[in-house]
Amino acid sequence: MQVFTFFCVEPDGSVPRFDVAPYADDHAARQRAFELIDMHHRCDLIEVWRGATRVFDVPAQRSAAA
């Protein structure tokens, strides 16, 4: 197991919430990041870190206003 940190980055660049949890691999951590972005609608993206290394971001999928 590896420990991942998930940072919810809001439009103003603030990080009002984060989650730390162990996952078997990057794939499992990516699935958790998608769950978090769906739960926290104010987040522009979820930054995913493994220790001091930023491994990937999961951006919010929002449609543009018509």
Protein backbone atom coordinates (compact mmCIF):
# COMPACT_ATOMS: atom_id res chain seq x y z
CA MET A 1 0.00 0.00 0.00
CA GLN A 2 1.06 3.54 -0.77
CA VAL A 3 -0.24 6.64 0.99
CA PHE A 4 -1.82 9.27 -1.27
CA THR A 5 -2.93 12.81 -0.44
CA PHE A 6 -5.82 14.33 -2.39
CA PHE A 7 -6.07 18.15 -2.38
CA CYS A 8 -9.32 19.84 -3.45
CA VAL A 9 -8.25 23.02 -5.25
CA GLU A 10 -10.99 25.65 -5.57
CA PRO A 11 -11.20 28.36 -8.28
CA ASP A 12 -9.34 30.90 -6.11
CA GLY A 13 -6.45 28.46 -5.59
CA SER A 14 -7.37 27.68 -1.99
CA VAL A 15 -7.38 24.13 -0.62
CA PRO A 16 -10.15 23.96 1.99
CA ARG A 17 -10.16 20.17 2.22
CA PHE A 18 -7.90 17.23 1.66
CA ASP A 19 -7.97 13.47 2.12
CA VAL A 20 -5.16 11.07 2.99
CA ALA A 21 -5.57 7.36 2.40
CA PRO A 22 -3.62 4.23 1.41
CA TYR A 23 -4.22 2.68 -2.01
CA ALA A 24 -2.58 -0.22 -3.80
CA ASP A 25 -1.53 1.80 -6.86
CA ASP A 26 -2.01 4.95 -8.94
CA HIS A 27 -5.05 3.48 -10.69
CA ALA A 28 -6.91 3.00 -7.41
CA ALA A 29 -5.90 6.51 -6.30
CA ARG A 30 -7.17 7.95 -9.60
CA GLN A 31 -10.55 6.30 -9.03
CA ARG A 32 -10.72 7.91 -5.57
CA ALA A 33 -9.84 11.30 -7.05
CA PHE A 34 -12.78 11.00 -9.49
CA GLU A 35 -15.08 10.15 -6.56
CA LEU A 36 -13.85 13.22 -4.66
CA ILE A 37 -14.28 15.58 -7.61
CA ASP A 38 -17.87 14.32 -7.98
CA MET A 39 -18.55 14.87 -4.25
CA HIS A 40 -17.02 18.34 -3.95
CA HIS A 41 -18.56 20.48 -6.68
CA ARG A 42 -16.61 23.61 -5.71
CA CYS A 43 -13.30 21.96 -6.59
CA ASP A 44 -11.70 22.90 -9.89
CA LEU A 45 -9.37 19.94 -9.63
CA ILE A 46 -8.00 17.31 -7.31
CA GLU A 47 -4.22 17.23 -6.97
CA VAL A 48 -2.97 13.75 -6.10
CA TRP A 49 0.34 13.37 -4.29
CA ARG A 50 2.35 10.33 -3.22
CA GLY A 51 4.63 11.62 -0.49
CA ALA A 52 6.36 14.74 -1.81
CA THR A 53 5.65 13.88 -5.45
CA ARG A 54 2.65 15.24 -7.32
CA VAL A 55 1.62 12.26 -9.44
CA PHE A 56 -1.40 13.62 -11.34
CA ASP A 57 -4.40 15.98 -11.34
CA VAL A 58 -8.04 15.19 -11.96
CA PRO A 59 -9.88 18.28 -13.30
CA ALA A 60 -13.58 18.90 -12.83
CA GLN A 61 -15.59 18.23 -15.97
CA ARG A 62 -17.93 21.19 -16.25
CA SER A 63 -19.81 22.19 -19.34
CA ALA A 64 -19.56 25.82 -20.44
CA ALA A 65 -22.65 27.98 -19.97
CA ALA A 66 -24.58 28.52 -23.17
